[in-house]
Amino acid sequence: MAAYQTGVSSSPVNLLQTLVSWLSSQSWVVDLSMSIGTGWRAHLHKGATFVHLRAAMDEKLWAYDGEYHDKGDGGYGIGFYLGTSYNGMSNWDEQPGRPVRVEDGSTCGCGVNLPAGSVAAYHLFDDGADNIIVVVERTPGIYCHFGWGPAMGAAGQPENFPYFFGSASAYLNTITGAPGGERGGINITTYPPFSHGDEDVSSYNGLYTRVHATAYVRVDAGTYTARWIANGRDAGSGDGGYGGTGRQMRCALNLGPCSDTSLDSDDYPSYQDLADRVHQTAFAGALFLPLHTFVLTDPDARWSPVGHVPSVFWCEAVGHGHSPGDVYQVGGEDYMLFPHFAVRKGA
């Protein structure tokens, strides 16, 4: 059954604890929920979906070889990833079945960058099929998000493709202060899930050579033997890891440098051209476009569909007759509107 909750959290730890309690009420099993460092870790599962989360309080999250992938000196946010099981003897970031960087074997993940204290509001969504979406208004008018689910929307795949995404890559998950450039979910509202990566200049424009992943899908072994694909770039030797898993993924909604390879004819027309055209002009309506996602195959070097995020859609209704938080009904289903996207809220 679909579920929704909204409120105000006092810190990243409080938001994670609230999320754990809410998920438990949706029949998720809590494998562990406890303090660690100055933050909090939580591990939950439902069926074959295992999620591993960590709230940072003046900390870094994404470790490798005694260092961290996090930019800056540590800060605040929630980082997470999916795995295939839970091991109580393993660290929060070393759980079985995790996605790993090809450069150093460290764990790949993403999340949300948050303020140290309270947020303007949070919104927790379960569409009734265990697709979990968390949208946070971190400061008034600035939205960020993260989420996961057991299966991408159907595109002919031979098995379920679990997925997860965040508005911040591991690179920006805990950065504090002025991050430089336009940073989605930090100093500007984020764009929809899967539609962008983070790179060294900004979230949506600049260099294409250092793209940090914000979305991951676990495909079948026939598509990629290591299973996890990502919208980050694989760094060269000595360059560190950008969250690349060895196989690139791309969303048809191409907002800035999600990777260094174009989908070409499979792209939606450019965002700048379409932004003012994906809303109804005869009335203040809303058009929802699915976030279709593709993987770059090998050795054919072609883009093959892997599905779409089941409960999030590109939507430009906000600013065109609607406001953030408005509920829009289509086909008996309720959708909550945010800048640049909509989330299925249920009937």
C-alpha atoms as a PDB file:
ATOM      1  CA  MET A   1       0.000   0.000   0.000  1.00  0.00           C
ATOM      2  CA  ALA A   2       1.247   3.474  -0.851  1.00  0.00           C
ATOM      3  CA  ALA A   3       2.394   5.595   2.072  1.00  0.00           C
ATOM      4  CA  TYR A   4       3.467   9.197   2.602  1.00  0.00           C
ATOM      5  CA  GLN A   5       4.841  11.222   5.511  1.00  0.00           C
ATOM      6  CA  THR A   6       6.051  14.787   5.827  1.00  0.00           C
ATOM      7  CA  GLY A   7       7.582  16.792   8.625  1.00  0.00           C
ATOM      8  CA  VAL A   8      10.666  18.708   9.747  1.00  0.00           C
ATOM      9  CA  SER A   9      13.906  17.065  10.869  1.00  0.00           C
ATOM     10  CA  SER A  10      16.401  18.619  13.270  1.00  0.00           C
ATOM     11  CA  SER A  11      19.589  17.077  11.826  1.00  0.00           C
ATOM     12  CA  PRO A  12      20.806  14.456   9.322  1.00  0.00           C
ATOM     13  CA  VAL A  13      20.798  11.892  12.154  1.00  0.00           C
ATOM     14  CA  ASN A  14      17.228  12.783  13.079  1.00  0.00           C
ATOM     15  CA  LEU A  15      16.150  12.498   9.436  1.00  0.00           C
ATOM     16  CA  LEU A  16      17.745   9.057   9.102  1.00  0.00           C
ATOM     17  CA  GLN A  17      16.166   7.881  12.354  1.00  0.00           C
ATOM     18  CA  THR A  18      12.794   9.164  11.158  1.00  0.00           C
ATOM     19  CA  LEU A  19      13.236   7.358   7.841  1.00  0.00           C
ATOM     20  CA  VAL A  20      14.141   4.092   9.612  1.00  0.00           C
ATOM     21  CA  SER A  21      11.049   4.298  11.814  1.00  0.00           C
ATOM     22  CA  TRP A  22       8.828   5.041   8.825  1.00  0.00           C
ATOM     23  CA  LEU A  23      10.311   2.213   6.753  1.00  0.00           C
ATOM     24  CA  SER A  24       9.794  -0.170   9.658  1.00  0.00           C
ATOM     25  CA  SER A  25       6.109   0.740   9.601  1.00  0.00           C
ATOM     26  CA  GLN A  26       6.127  -0.247   5.888  1.00  0.00           C
ATOM     27  CA  SER A  27       7.360  -3.761   6.840  1.00  0.00           C
ATOM     28  CA  TRP A  28      11.049  -3.147   6.171  1.00  0.00           C
ATOM     29  CA  VAL A  29      13.216  -5.238   8.514  1.00  0.00           C
ATOM     30  CA  VAL A  30      15.741  -3.206  10.515  1.00  0.00           C
ATOM     31  CA  ASP A  31      18.983  -5.209  10.585  1.00  0.00           C
ATOM     32  CA  LEU A  32      20.860  -2.513  12.511  1.00  0.00           C
ATOM     33  CA  SER A  33      20.278   1.093  13.539  1.00  0.00           C
ATOM     34  CA  MET A  34      22.864   2.673  15.829  1.00  0.00           C
ATOM     35  CA  SER A  35      25.240   5.570  16.382  1.00  0.00           C
ATOM     36  CA  ILE A  36      28.661   5.542  14.751  1.00  0.00           C
ATOM     37  CA  GLY A  37      31.231   8.300  15.082  1.00  0.00           C
ATOM     38  CA  THR A  38      29.225  11.486  15.501  1.00  0.00           C
ATOM     39  CA  GLY A  39      26.554  10.218  13.096  1.00  0.00           C
ATOM     40  CA  TRP A  40      24.308   7.201  12.581  1.00  0.00           C
ATOM     41  CA  ARG A  41      24.241   4.014  10.493  1.00  0.00           C
ATOM     42  CA  ALA A  42      21.213   1.967   9.464  1.00  0.00           C
ATOM     43  CA  HIS A  43      20.788  -1.272   7.514  1.00  0.00           C
ATOM     44  CA  LEU A  44      17.370  -2.485   6.391  1.00  0.00           C
ATOM     45  CA  HIS A  45      15.921  -4.964   3.964  1.00  0.00           C
ATOM     46  CA  LYS A  46      12.634  -5.994   2.452  1.00  0.00           C
ATOM     47  CA  GLY A  47      12.637  -9.146   0.399  1.00  0.00           C
ATOM     48  CA  ALA A  48      15.840  -9.163  -1.635  1.00  0.00           C
ATOM     49  CA  THR A  49      16.381  -5.381  -1.413  1.00  0.00           C
ATOM     50  CA  PHE A  50      19.062  -4.404   1.127  1.00  0.00           C
ATOM     51  CA  VAL A  51      19.760  -0.728   1.776  1.00  0.00           C
ATOM     52  CA  HIS A  52      22.720   0.590   3.777  1.00  0.00           C
ATOM     53  CA  LEU A  53      22.635   4.198   5.021  1.00  0.00           C
ATOM     54  CA  ARG A  54      24.930   6.510   6.963  1.00  0.00           C
ATOM     55  CA  ALA A  55      24.190   9.989   8.337  1.00  0.00           C
ATOM     56  CA  ALA A  56      27.238  12.253   8.612  1.00  0.00           C
ATOM     57  CA  MET A  57      27.617  14.888  11.331  1.00  0.00           C
ATOM     58  CA  ASP A  58      30.800  16.858  10.607  1.00  0.00           C
ATOM     59  CA  GLU A  59      32.242  13.729   8.971  1.00  0.00           C
ATOM     60  CA  LYS A  60      33.310  12.209   5.677  1.00  0.00           C
ATOM     61  CA  LEU A  61      31.597   8.998   4.498  1.00  0.00           C
ATOM     62  CA  TRP A  62      33.244   7.432   1.460  1.00  0.00           C
ATOM     63  CA  ALA A  63      36.568   5.880   2.464  1.00  0.00           C
ATOM     64  CA  TYR A  64      39.353   4.321   0.387  1.00  0.00           C
ATOM     65  CA  ASP A  65      42.942   3.397   1.288  1.00  0.00           C
ATOM     66  CA  GLY A  66      42.948   5.589   4.390  1.00  0.00           C
ATOM     67  CA  GLU A  67      41.550   8.557   2.455  1.00  0.00           C
ATOM     68  CA  TYR A  68      38.086   9.685   1.339  1.00  0.00           C
ATOM     69  CA  HIS A  69      36.304  10.434  -1.900  1.00  0.00           C
ATOM     70  CA  ASP A  70      34.340  13.228  -0.155  1.00  0.00           C
ATOM     71  CA  LYS A  71      35.384  16.729  -1.238  1.00  0.00           C
ATOM     72  CA  GLY A  72      36.258  19.084   1.607  1.00  0.00           C
ATOM     73  CA  ASP A  73      36.999  18.423   5.247  1.00  0.00           C
ATOM     74  CA  GLY A  74      33.789  16.657   6.174  1.00  0.00           C
ATOM     75  CA  GLY A  75      30.261  17.867   6.725  1.00  0.00           C
ATOM     76  CA  TYR A  76      26.635  16.813   6.811  1.00  0.00           C
ATOM     77  CA  GLY A  77      24.376  14.582   4.776  1.00  0.00           C
ATOM     78  CA  ILE A  78      23.089  11.057   4.265  1.00  0.00           C
ATOM     79  CA  GLY A  79      24.996   8.606   2.078  1.00  0.00           C
ATOM     80  CA  PHE A  80      23.779   5.178   1.035  1.00  0.00           C
ATOM     81  CA  TYR A  81      23.901   2.286  -1.427  1.00  0.00           C
ATOM     82  CA  LEU A  82      22.171  -1.019  -2.110  1.00  0.00           C
ATOM     83  CA  GLY A  83      23.645  -4.479  -1.639  1.00  0.00           C
ATOM     84  CA  THR A  84      22.562  -8.100  -1.828  1.00  0.00           C
ATOM     85  CA  SER A  85      22.580  -8.979   1.907  1.00  0.00           C
ATOM     86  CA  TYR A  86      23.605  -7.761   5.364  1.00  0.00           C
ATOM     87  CA  ASN A  87      26.668  -8.834   7.358  1.00  0.00           C
ATOM     88  CA  GLY A  88      26.771  -7.645  10.955  1.00  0.00           C
ATOM     89  CA  MET A  89      30.549  -8.125  11.076  1.00  0.00           C
ATOM     90  CA  SER A  90      31.207  -5.729   8.180  1.00  0.00           C
ATOM     91  CA  ASN A  91      31.568  -1.962   8.208  1.00  0.00           C
ATOM     92  CA  TRP A  92      28.656   0.144   6.997  1.00  0.00           C
ATOM     93  CA  ASP A  93      30.373   0.670   3.632  1.00  0.00           C
ATOM     94  CA  GLU A  94      31.570  -2.920   3.094  1.00  0.00           C
ATOM     95  CA  GLN A  95      28.312  -4.836   2.842  1.00  0.00           C
ATOM     96  CA  PRO A  96      27.902  -7.779   0.425  1.00  0.00           C
ATOM     97  CA  GLY A  97      26.917  -7.092  -3.175  1.00  0.00           C
ATOM     98  CA  ARG A  98      27.849  -3.415  -3.071  1.00  0.00           C
ATOM     99  CA  PRO A  99      28.839  -1.490  -6.212  1.00  0.00           C
ATOM    100  CA  VAL A 100      32.591  -0.818  -6.356  1.00  0.00           C
ATOM    101  CA  ARG A 101      34.840   1.611  -8.194  1.00  0.00           C
ATOM    102  CA  VAL A 102      37.017   0.040 -10.845  1.00  0.00           C
ATOM    103  CA  GLU A 103      39.973   2.246  -9.808  1.00  0.00           C
ATOM    104  CA  ASP A 104      40.391   1.178  -6.189  1.00  0.00           C
ATOM    105  CA  GLY A 105      37.676  -1.315  -5.234  1.00  0.00           C
ATOM    106  CA  SER A 106      36.076   1.097  -2.774  1.00  0.00           C
ATOM    107  CA  THR A 107      32.325   1.233  -2.334  1.00  0.00           C
ATOM    108  CA  CYS A 108      30.296   3.406  -4.710  1.00  0.00           C
ATOM    109  CA  GLY A 109      27.316   5.355  -3.444  1.00  0.00           C
ATOM    110  CA  CYS A 110      25.533   8.683  -3.398  1.00  0.00           C
ATOM    111  CA  GLY A 111      23.050  10.564  -1.219  1.00  0.00           C
ATOM    112  CA  VAL A 112      21.983  14.031  -0.150  1.00  0.00           C
ATOM    113  CA  ASN A 113      23.966  16.959   1.144  1.00  0.00           C
ATOM    114  CA  LEU A 114      22.197  18.499   4.160  1.00  0.00           C
ATOM    115  CA  PRO A 115      22.584  21.377   6.616  1.00  0.00           C
ATOM    116  CA  ALA A 116      23.835  20.565  10.093  1.00  0.00           C
ATOM    117  CA  GLY A 117      20.534  21.489  11.690  1.00  0.00           C
ATOM    118  CA  SER A 118      16.895  21.581  10.699  1.00  0.00           C
ATOM    119  CA  VAL A 119      15.502  21.471   7.174  1.00  0.00           C
ATOM    120  CA  ALA A 120      12.455  23.286   5.847  1.00  0.00           C
ATOM    121  CA  ALA A 121      10.602  19.989   5.243  1.00  0.00           C
ATOM    122  CA  TYR A 122      11.027  16.362   4.275  1.00  0.00           C
ATOM    123  CA  HIS A 123       8.708  14.160   2.200  1.00  0.00           C
ATOM    124  CA  LEU A 124       8.808  10.346   2.390  1.00  0.00           C
ATOM    125  CA  PHE A 125       7.113   8.345  -0.387  1.00  0.00           C
ATOM    126  CA  ASP A 126       6.397   4.641  -0.865  1.00  0.00           C
ATOM    127  CA  ASP A 127       4.425   4.049  -4.066  1.00  0.00           C
ATOM    128  CA  GLY A 128       3.105   0.710  -2.792  1.00  0.00           C
ATOM    129  CA  ALA A 129       5.687  -1.318  -4.750  1.00  0.00           C
ATOM    130  CA  ASP A 130       8.619  -0.578  -2.398  1.00  0.00           C
ATOM    131  CA  ASN A 131       9.968   2.273  -4.525  1.00  0.00           C
ATOM    132  CA  ILE A 132      11.179   4.646  -1.807  1.00  0.00           C
ATOM    133  CA  ILE A 133      11.656   8.346  -2.588  1.00  0.00           C
ATOM    134  CA  VAL A 134      12.889  10.943  -0.083  1.00  0.00           C
ATOM    135  CA  VAL A 135      12.612  14.608  -1.064  1.00  0.00           C
ATOM    136  CA  VAL A 136      14.084  17.216   1.290  1.00  0.00           C
ATOM    137  CA  GLU A 137      13.613  20.965   1.146  1.00  0.00           C
ATOM    138  CA  ARG A 138      17.011  21.594   2.716  1.00  0.00           C
ATOM    139  CA  THR A 139      16.468  25.353   2.816  1.00  0.00           C
ATOM    140  CA  PRO A 140      13.397  27.251   1.602  1.00  0.00           C
ATOM    141  CA  GLY A 141      13.039  26.659  -2.139  1.00  0.00           C
ATOM    142  CA  ILE A 142      16.115  24.390  -2.488  1.00  0.00           C
ATOM    143  CA  TYR A 143      15.219  20.703  -2.952  1.00  0.00           C
ATOM    144  CA  CYS A 144      17.343  17.572  -2.889  1.00  0.00           C
ATOM    145  CA  HIS A 145      16.416  13.885  -3.066  1.00  0.00           C
ATOM    146  CA  PHE A 146      17.461  10.259  -2.810  1.00  0.00           C
ATOM    147  CA  GLY A 147      15.720   6.932  -3.309  1.00  0.00           C
ATOM    148  CA  TRP A 148      15.839   3.299  -4.336  1.00  0.00           C
ATOM    149  CA  GLY A 149      13.695   0.412  -5.486  1.00  0.00           C
ATOM    150  CA  PRO A 150      13.676  -3.315  -6.264  1.00  0.00           C
ATOM    151  CA  ALA A 151      13.186  -2.987 -10.024  1.00  0.00           C
ATOM    152  CA  MET A 152      13.456  -0.422 -12.785  1.00  0.00           C
ATOM    153  CA  GLY A 153      10.356   0.067 -14.902  1.00  0.00           C
ATOM    154  CA  ALA A 154      10.064  -2.557 -17.620  1.00  0.00           C
ATOM    155  CA  ALA A 155      12.162  -2.275 -20.772  1.00  0.00           C
ATOM    156  CA  GLY A 156      12.392  -5.940 -21.716  1.00  0.00           C
ATOM    157  CA  GLN A 157      15.084  -6.753 -19.141  1.00  0.00           C
ATOM    158  CA  PRO A 158      15.429 -10.474 -18.275  1.00  0.00           C
ATOM    159  CA  GLU A 159      15.186  -9.950 -14.497  1.00  0.00           C
ATOM    160  CA  ASN A 160      14.544  -7.229 -11.933  1.00  0.00           C
ATOM    161  CA  PHE A 161      17.084  -4.406 -12.034  1.00  0.00           C
ATOM    162  CA  PRO A 162      17.381  -2.807  -8.542  1.00  0.00           C
ATOM    163  CA  TYR A 163      18.396   0.853  -8.558  1.00  0.00           C
ATOM    164  CA  PHE A 164      19.315   3.759  -6.291  1.00  0.00           C
ATOM    165  CA  PHE A 165      20.027   7.455  -6.788  1.00  0.00           C
ATOM    166  CA  GLY A 166      20.813  10.677  -4.945  1.00  0.00           C
ATOM    167  CA  SER A 167      21.046  14.354  -5.750  1.00  0.00           C
ATOM    168  CA  ALA A 168      24.671  14.394  -4.538  1.00  0.00           C
ATOM    169  CA  SER A 169      27.499  12.109  -5.568  1.00  0.00           C
ATOM    170  CA  ALA A 170      29.912  10.764  -2.957  1.00  0.00           C
ATOM    171  CA  TYR A 171      32.157  13.651  -4.038  1.00  0.00           C
ATOM    172  CA  LEU A 172      29.703  16.296  -2.764  1.00  0.00           C
ATOM    173  CA  ASN A 173      27.796  14.222  -0.213  1.00  0.00           C
ATOM    174  CA  THR A 174      29.254  16.010   2.824  1.00  0.00           C
ATOM    175  CA  ILE A 175      30.844  19.198   1.499  1.00  0.00           C
ATOM    176  CA  THR A 176      30.168  22.358   3.534  1.00  0.00           C
ATOM    177  CA  GLY A 177      30.477  26.023   2.726  1.00  0.00           C
ATOM    178  CA  ALA A 178      30.366  27.509  -0.763  1.00  0.00           C
ATOM    179  CA  PRO A 179      30.907  24.552  -3.113  1.00  0.00           C
ATOM    180  CA  GLY A 180      31.595  26.623  -6.210  1.00  0.00           C
ATOM    181  CA  GLY A 181      29.445  26.591  -9.329  1.00  0.00           C
ATOM    182  CA  GLU A 182      25.840  25.456  -9.531  1.00  0.00           C
ATOM    183  CA  ARG A 183      25.541  22.478  -7.210  1.00  0.00           C
ATOM    184  CA  GLY A 184      22.212  20.686  -7.504  1.00  0.00           C
ATOM    185  CA  GLY A 185      20.609  20.003  -4.140  1.00  0.00           C
ATOM    186  CA  ILE A 186      23.043  22.330  -2.371  1.00  0.00           C
ATOM    187  CA  ASN A 187      22.792  25.891  -3.657  1.00  0.00           C
ATOM    188  CA  ILE A 188      20.228  25.291  -6.418  1.00  0.00           C
ATOM    189  CA  THR A 189      17.311  22.881  -6.624  1.00  0.00           C
ATOM    190  CA  THR A 190      18.314  19.498  -7.985  1.00  0.00           C
ATOM    191  CA  TYR A 191      17.122  18.159 -11.316  1.00  0.00           C
ATOM    192  CA  PRO A 192      15.326  14.780 -11.574  1.00  0.00           C
ATOM    193  CA  PRO A 193      16.951  11.479 -10.541  1.00  0.00           C
ATOM    194  CA  PHE A 194      19.344   9.888 -13.062  1.00  0.00           C
ATOM    195  CA  SER A 195      19.383  13.040 -15.224  1.00  0.00           C
ATOM    196  CA  HIS A 196      22.716  14.515 -14.116  1.00  0.00           C
ATOM    197  CA  GLY A 197      26.043  13.792 -12.472  1.00  0.00           C
ATOM    198  CA  ASP A 198      28.395  15.971 -10.465  1.00  0.00           C
ATOM    199  CA  GLU A 199      31.715  17.133 -11.808  1.00  0.00           C
ATOM    200  CA  ASP A 200      34.549  19.392 -10.792  1.00  0.00           C
ATOM    201  CA  VAL A 201      33.052  22.666 -12.041  1.00  0.00           C
ATOM    202  CA  SER A 202      29.333  22.323 -11.366  1.00  0.00           C
ATOM    203  CA  SER A 203      26.501  19.833 -11.383  1.00  0.00           C
ATOM    204  CA  TYR A 204      25.170  20.804 -14.796  1.00  0.00           C
ATOM    205  CA  ASN A 205      27.839  22.435 -16.941  1.00  0.00           C
ATOM    206  CA  GLY A 206      31.582  22.641 -17.403  1.00  0.00           C
ATOM    207  CA  LEU A 207      34.134  19.857 -17.910  1.00  0.00           C
ATOM    208  CA  TYR A 208      32.972  16.465 -19.142  1.00  0.00           C
ATOM    209  CA  THR A 209      36.065  14.584 -18.006  1.00  0.00           C
ATOM    210  CA  ARG A 210      35.441  14.253 -14.261  1.00  0.00           C
ATOM    211  CA  VAL A 211      31.872  13.121 -13.805  1.00  0.00           C
ATOM    212  CA  HIS A 212      30.873  11.743 -10.405  1.00  0.00           C
ATOM    213  CA  ALA A 213      28.003   9.245 -10.260  1.00  0.00           C
ATOM    214  CA  THR A 214      24.607  10.019  -8.737  1.00  0.00           C
ATOM    215  CA  ALA A 215      22.692   6.926  -9.926  1.00  0.00           C
ATOM    216  CA  TYR A 216      23.268   3.161 -10.079  1.00  0.00           C
ATOM    217  CA  VAL A 217      21.415   0.135 -11.489  1.00  0.00           C
ATOM    218  CA  ARG A 218      22.180  -3.554 -10.881  1.00  0.00           C
ATOM    219  CA  VAL A 219      21.787  -5.275 -14.248  1.00  0.00           C
ATOM    220  CA  ASP A 220      21.950  -8.934 -15.229  1.00  0.00           C
ATOM    221  CA  ALA A 221      25.339 -10.626 -15.597  1.00  0.00           C
ATOM    222  CA  GLY A 222      24.816 -10.968 -19.339  1.00  0.00           C
ATOM    223  CA  THR A 223      24.752  -7.174 -19.660  1.00  0.00           C
ATOM    224  CA  TYR A 224      27.718  -6.649 -17.313  1.00  0.00           C
ATOM    225  CA  THR A 225      29.431  -9.309 -15.212  1.00  0.00           C
ATOM    226  CA  ALA A 226      30.154  -6.899 -12.343  1.00  0.00           C
ATOM    227  CA  ARG A 227      26.420  -6.077 -12.354  1.00  0.00           C
ATOM    228  CA  TRP A 228      26.390  -2.456 -11.173  1.00  0.00           C
ATOM    229  CA  ILE A 229      26.340   0.295 -13.816  1.00  0.00           C
ATOM    230  CA  ALA A 230      26.563   4.022 -13.030  1.00  0.00           C
ATOM    231  CA  ASN A 231      26.204   7.459 -14.585  1.00  0.00           C
ATOM    232  CA  GLY A 232      29.714   8.434 -13.485  1.00  0.00           C
ATOM    233  CA  ARG A 233      32.904   8.256 -15.487  1.00  0.00           C
ATOM    234  CA  ASP A 234      35.695   5.775 -14.847  1.00  0.00           C
ATOM    235  CA  ALA A 235      38.783   7.760 -13.903  1.00  0.00           C
ATOM    236  CA  GLY A 236      42.147   7.103 -15.457  1.00  0.00           C
ATOM    237  CA  SER A 237      45.018   5.613 -13.516  1.00  0.00           C
ATOM    238  CA  GLY A 238      46.104   7.898 -10.691  1.00  0.00           C
ATOM    239  CA  ASP A 239      43.079  10.189 -11.049  1.00  0.00           C
ATOM    240  CA  GLY A 240      41.004   8.704  -8.235  1.00  0.00           C
ATOM    241  CA  GLY A 241      37.483   7.363  -8.642  1.00  0.00           C
ATOM    242  CA  TYR A 242      34.402   9.233  -9.791  1.00  0.00           C
ATOM    243  CA  GLY A 243      31.982   6.475  -8.890  1.00  0.00           C
ATOM    244  CA  GLY A 244      32.456   4.700 -12.205  1.00  0.00           C
ATOM    245  CA  THR A 245      31.848   0.972 -11.969  1.00  0.00           C
ATOM    246  CA  GLY A 246      33.284   0.018 -15.349  1.00  0.00           C
ATOM    247  CA  ARG A 247      30.096   0.301 -17.355  1.00  0.00           C
ATOM    248  CA  GLN A 248      28.430   3.629 -18.202  1.00  0.00           C
ATOM    249  CA  MET A 249      24.759   4.452 -17.863  1.00  0.00           C
ATOM    250  CA  ARG A 250      22.894   7.454 -19.207  1.00  0.00           C
ATOM    251  CA  CYS A 251      19.436   8.972 -18.868  1.00  0.00           C
ATOM    252  CA  ALA A 252      17.545  10.161 -21.951  1.00  0.00           C
ATOM    253  CA  LEU A 253      16.966  13.419 -20.094  1.00  0.00           C
ATOM    254  CA  ASN A 254      20.490  14.661 -20.643  1.00  0.00           C
ATOM    255  CA  LEU A 255      21.129  17.508 -18.207  1.00  0.00           C
ATOM    256  CA  GLY A 256      24.803  18.329 -18.327  1.00  0.00           C
ATOM    257  CA  PRO A 257      27.701  15.913 -17.976  1.00  0.00           C
ATOM    258  CA  CYS A 258      26.149  12.656 -16.813  1.00  0.00           C
ATOM    259  CA  SER A 259      28.907  10.914 -18.763  1.00  0.00           C
ATOM    260  CA  ASP A 260      31.362  11.721 -21.504  1.00  0.00           C
ATOM    261  CA  THR A 261      29.435   9.826 -24.182  1.00  0.00           C
ATOM    262  CA  SER A 262      26.232  11.044 -25.825  1.00  0.00           C
ATOM    263  CA  LEU A 263      23.120   8.986 -26.448  1.00  0.00           C
ATOM    264  CA  ASP A 264      22.851  10.832 -29.756  1.00  0.00           C
ATOM    265  CA  SER A 265      19.457  10.054 -31.336  1.00  0.00           C
ATOM    266  CA  ASP A 266      18.150   8.495 -28.096  1.00  0.00           C
ATOM    267  CA  ASP A 267      18.445  11.775 -26.192  1.00  0.00           C
ATOM    268  CA  TYR A 268      15.408  13.802 -25.334  1.00  0.00           C
ATOM    269  CA  PRO A 269      15.832  17.159 -27.084  1.00  0.00           C
ATOM    270  CA  SER A 270      18.001  19.426 -25.011  1.00  0.00           C
ATOM    271  CA  TYR A 271      16.579  20.532 -21.700  1.00  0.00           C
ATOM    272  CA  GLN A 272      16.991  24.189 -22.560  1.00  0.00           C
ATOM    273  CA  ASP A 273      14.834  23.743 -25.671  1.00  0.00           C
ATOM    274  CA  LEU A 274      12.160  21.652 -23.974  1.00  0.00           C
ATOM    275  CA  ALA A 275      11.894  23.242 -20.531  1.00  0.00           C
ATOM    276  CA  ASP A 276       9.153  25.644 -21.553  1.00  0.00           C
ATOM    277  CA  ARG A 277       7.355  23.088 -23.733  1.00  0.00           C
ATOM    278  CA  VAL A 278       6.714  20.161 -21.394  1.00  0.00           C
ATOM    279  CA  HIS A 279       3.716  21.799 -19.764  1.00  0.00           C
ATOM    280  CA  GLN A 280       0.263  22.226 -21.209  1.00  0.00           C
ATOM    281  CA  THR A 281      -0.309  25.650 -22.724  1.00  0.00           C
ATOM    282  CA  ALA A 282      -4.096  25.561 -23.017  1.00  0.00           C
ATOM    283  CA  PHE A 283      -4.416  25.278 -19.230  1.00  0.00           C
ATOM    284  CA  ALA A 284      -2.158  24.988 -16.210  1.00  0.00           C
ATOM    285  CA  GLY A 285      -1.637  21.251 -16.676  1.00  0.00           C
ATOM    286  CA  ALA A 286       1.369  18.998 -16.340  1.00  0.00           C
ATOM    287  CA  LEU A 287       3.141  16.559 -18.626  1.00  0.00           C
ATOM    288  CA  PHE A 288       5.026  13.673 -16.993  1.00  0.00           C
ATOM    289  CA  LEU A 289       7.942  12.162 -18.933  1.00  0.00           C
ATOM    290  CA  PRO A 290       9.528   8.913 -17.712  1.00  0.00           C
ATOM    291  CA  LEU A 291      13.247   8.947 -16.965  1.00  0.00           C
ATOM    292  CA  HIS A 292      14.336   6.327 -19.496  1.00  0.00           C
ATOM    293  CA  THR A 293      17.830   4.980 -18.839  1.00  0.00           C
ATOM    294  CA  PHE A 294      20.357   3.229 -21.097  1.00  0.00           C
ATOM    295  CA  VAL A 295      23.611   1.293 -20.720  1.00  0.00           C
ATOM    296  CA  LEU A 296      26.580   1.458 -23.085  1.00  0.00           C
ATOM    297  CA  THR A 297      27.087  -2.139 -24.172  1.00  0.00           C
ATOM    298  CA  ASP A 298      30.354  -3.857 -24.949  1.00  0.00           C
ATOM    299  CA  PRO A 299      31.644  -4.862 -27.479  1.00  0.00           C
ATOM    300  CA  ASP A 300      28.863  -3.391 -29.615  1.00  0.00           C
ATOM    301  CA  ALA A 301      29.270   0.114 -28.152  1.00  0.00           C
ATOM    302  CA  ARG A 302      25.571   0.847 -28.484  1.00  0.00           C
ATOM    303  CA  TRP A 303      23.060   2.183 -25.992  1.00  0.00           C
ATOM    304  CA  SER A 304      20.642  -0.481 -24.724  1.00  0.00           C
ATOM    305  CA  PRO A 305      17.584   0.337 -22.539  1.00  0.00           C
ATOM    306  CA  VAL A 306      17.630  -0.729 -18.895  1.00  0.00           C
ATOM    307  CA  GLY A 307      14.285   0.752 -17.807  1.00  0.00           C
ATOM    308  CA  HIS A 308      12.988   3.865 -16.071  1.00  0.00           C
ATOM    309  CA  VAL A 309      12.514   4.997 -12.482  1.00  0.00           C
ATOM    310  CA  PRO A 310       8.977   3.743 -11.720  1.00  0.00           C
ATOM    311  CA  SER A 311       7.677   6.526  -9.493  1.00  0.00           C
ATOM    312  CA  VAL A 312       9.528   9.718 -10.500  1.00  0.00           C
ATOM    313  CA  PHE A 313       8.921  11.733 -13.666  1.00  0.00           C
ATOM    314  CA  TRP A 314      10.376  14.793 -15.346  1.00  0.00           C
ATOM    315  CA  CYS A 315       7.769  17.519 -14.966  1.00  0.00           C
ATOM    316  CA  GLU A 316       7.898  21.299 -15.384  1.00  0.00           C
ATOM    317  CA  ALA A 317       4.511  22.064 -13.812  1.00  0.00           C
ATOM    318  CA  VAL A 318       6.052  24.111 -10.986  1.00  0.00           C
ATOM    319  CA  GLY A 319       6.249  27.673 -12.230  1.00  0.00           C
ATOM    320  CA  HIS A 320       3.608  26.984 -14.877  1.00  0.00           C
ATOM    321  CA  GLY A 321       0.428  27.212 -12.826  1.00  0.00           C
ATOM    322  CA  HIS A 322       1.589  25.004  -9.958  1.00  0.00           C
ATOM    323  CA  SER A 323       3.684  25.381  -6.823  1.00  0.00           C
ATOM    324  CA  PRO A 324       6.013  22.959  -5.013  1.00  0.00           C
ATOM    325  CA  GLY A 325       4.017  20.506  -2.929  1.00  0.00           C
ATOM    326  CA  ASP A 326       0.895  20.688  -5.082  1.00  0.00           C
ATOM    327  CA  VAL A 327      -0.811  17.347  -5.660  1.00  0.00           C
ATOM    328  CA  TYR A 328      -1.779  16.646  -9.268  1.00  0.00           C
ATOM    329  CA  GLN A 329      -4.039  13.728 -10.187  1.00  0.00           C
ATOM    330  CA  VAL A 330      -3.640  11.613 -13.320  1.00  0.00           C
ATOM    331  CA  GLY A 331      -5.623   8.429 -13.944  1.00  0.00           C
ATOM    332  CA  GLY A 332      -6.752   8.140 -10.350  1.00  0.00           C
ATOM    333  CA  GLU A 333      -3.166   8.446  -9.032  1.00  0.00           C
ATOM    334  CA  ASP A 334      -1.859  11.396  -7.011  1.00  0.00           C
ATOM    335  CA  TYR A 335       1.502  12.944  -7.856  1.00  0.00           C
ATOM    336  CA  MET A 336       3.303  15.548  -5.751  1.00  0.00           C
ATOM    337  CA  LEU A 337       4.998  18.292  -7.732  1.00  0.00           C
ATOM    338  CA  PHE A 338       8.477  19.677  -7.127  1.00  0.00           C
ATOM    339  CA  PRO A 339      10.669  21.887  -9.313  1.00  0.00           C
ATOM    340  CA  HIS A 340      11.658  19.776 -12.363  1.00  0.00           C
ATOM    341  CA  PHE A 341      10.050  16.488 -11.234  1.00  0.00           C
ATOM    342  CA  ALA A 342       6.980  14.782  -9.815  1.00  0.00           C
ATOM    343  CA  VAL A 343       6.713  11.820  -7.431  1.00  0.00           C
ATOM    344  CA  ARG A 344       3.879   9.289  -7.370  1.00  0.00           C
ATOM    345  CA  LYS A 345       2.113   9.692  -4.054  1.00  0.00           C
ATOM    346  CA  GLY A 346      -0.540   6.972  -4.461  1.00  0.00           C
ATOM    347  CA  ALA A 347      -4.280   6.933  -4.897  1.00  0.00           C
END
